[in-house]
């Protein structure tokens, strides 16, 4: 791997150049404390799930019941 000062280091192409200051904030969780952005949430929810479902291009997935992990239809009824 290239050294930190080298132009070939991955930080030059990825834009990640050091530690995030939020990692130093006490009790701040980098996973749970960021709000989801509505642009990606709506795009995934609507275009990937809801619109195909309403156009009958996708069906509902039955829930996995703990007593029926293999999804045996005879047990589900």
Protein backbone atom coordinates (compact mmCIF):
# COMPACT_ATOMS: atom_id res chain seq x y z
CA UNK A 1 0.00 0.00 0.00
CA UNK A 2 1.21 3.50 -0.78
CA UNK A 3 2.32 5.75 2.04
CA UNK A 4 0.13 8.49 3.53
CA UNK A 5 1.99 11.29 1.70
CA UNK A 6 1.89 9.49 -1.67
CA UNK A 7 -0.49 10.61 -4.44
CA UNK A 8 -1.36 6.93 -4.95
CA UNK A 9 -2.83 6.61 -1.45
CA UNK A 10 -6.59 5.67 -1.53
CA UNK A 11 -7.52 8.85 0.37
CA UNK A 12 -6.65 10.90 -2.72
CA UNK A 13 -9.30 9.18 -4.86
CA UNK A 14 -11.93 8.43 -2.18
CA UNK A 15 -12.19 11.87 -0.59
CA UNK A 16 -11.83 10.40 2.90
CA UNK A 17 -8.93 12.29 4.44
CA UNK A 18 -8.73 11.51 8.12
CA UNK A 19 -11.09 10.81 11.00
CA UNK A 20 -14.61 12.28 11.11
CA UNK A 21 -14.96 14.89 13.88
CA UNK A 22 -18.34 13.36 14.83
CA UNK A 23 -16.50 10.23 15.95
CA UNK A 24 -15.11 12.30 18.86
CA UNK A 25 -18.55 13.45 20.14
CA UNK A 26 -19.52 11.51 23.30
CA UNK A 27 -22.60 9.27 22.95
CA UNK A 28 -22.87 10.00 19.20
CA UNK A 29 -23.46 6.82 17.19
CA UNK A 30 -22.31 7.13 13.57
CA UNK A 31 -24.90 4.54 12.44
CA UNK A 32 -28.03 5.41 14.41
CA UNK A 33 -27.71 9.18 14.85
CA UNK A 34 -27.85 10.21 11.18
CA UNK A 35 -31.26 10.88 9.68
CA UNK A 36 -32.08 9.10 6.42
CA UNK A 37 -32.42 11.49 3.53
CA UNK A 38 -35.85 11.52 1.93
CA UNK A 39 -34.50 11.53 -1.63
CA UNK A 40 -33.06 8.02 -1.31
CA UNK A 41 -35.73 6.75 1.06
CA UNK A 42 -38.59 7.72 -1.27
CA UNK A 43 -36.74 6.51 -4.37
CA UNK A 44 -36.11 3.06 -2.91
CA UNK A 45 -39.51 2.73 -1.27
CA UNK A 46 -41.58 3.96 -4.19
CA UNK A 47 -39.68 2.76 -7.25
CA UNK A 48 -38.45 -0.49 -5.77
CA UNK A 49 -41.46 -1.66 -3.79
CA UNK A 50 -44.69 0.32 -3.84
CA UNK A 51 -45.09 1.24 -7.53
CA UNK A 52 -44.26 -2.28 -8.82
CA UNK A 53 -46.64 -3.68 -6.20
CA UNK A 54 -49.48 -1.43 -7.33
CA UNK A 55 -48.79 -2.28 -11.00
CA UNK A 56 -48.95 -6.02 -10.15
CA UNK A 57 -45.31 -6.44 -11.21
CA UNK A 58 -44.37 -7.61 -7.71
CA UNK A 59 -46.23 -9.65 -5.15
CA UNK A 60 -46.27 -9.37 -1.40
CA UNK A 61 -43.76 -11.55 0.39
CA UNK A 62 -45.33 -13.70 3.09
CA UNK A 63 -43.86 -13.25 6.56
CA UNK A 64 -41.50 -15.89 7.91
CA UNK A 65 -43.11 -17.42 10.96
CA UNK A 66 -40.66 -18.88 13.48
CA UNK A 67 -42.59 -22.17 13.49
CA UNK A 68 -42.34 -22.39 9.68
CA UNK A 69 -38.78 -21.34 8.67
CA UNK A 70 -38.89 -23.37 5.42
CA UNK A 71 -42.09 -21.61 4.28
CA UNK A 72 -44.07 -24.81 3.95
CA UNK A 73 -47.42 -23.73 2.50
CA UNK A 74 -49.26 -26.63 4.14
CA UNK A 75 -48.27 -25.35 7.59
CA UNK A 76 -49.09 -21.74 6.75
CA UNK A 77 -52.75 -22.54 6.12
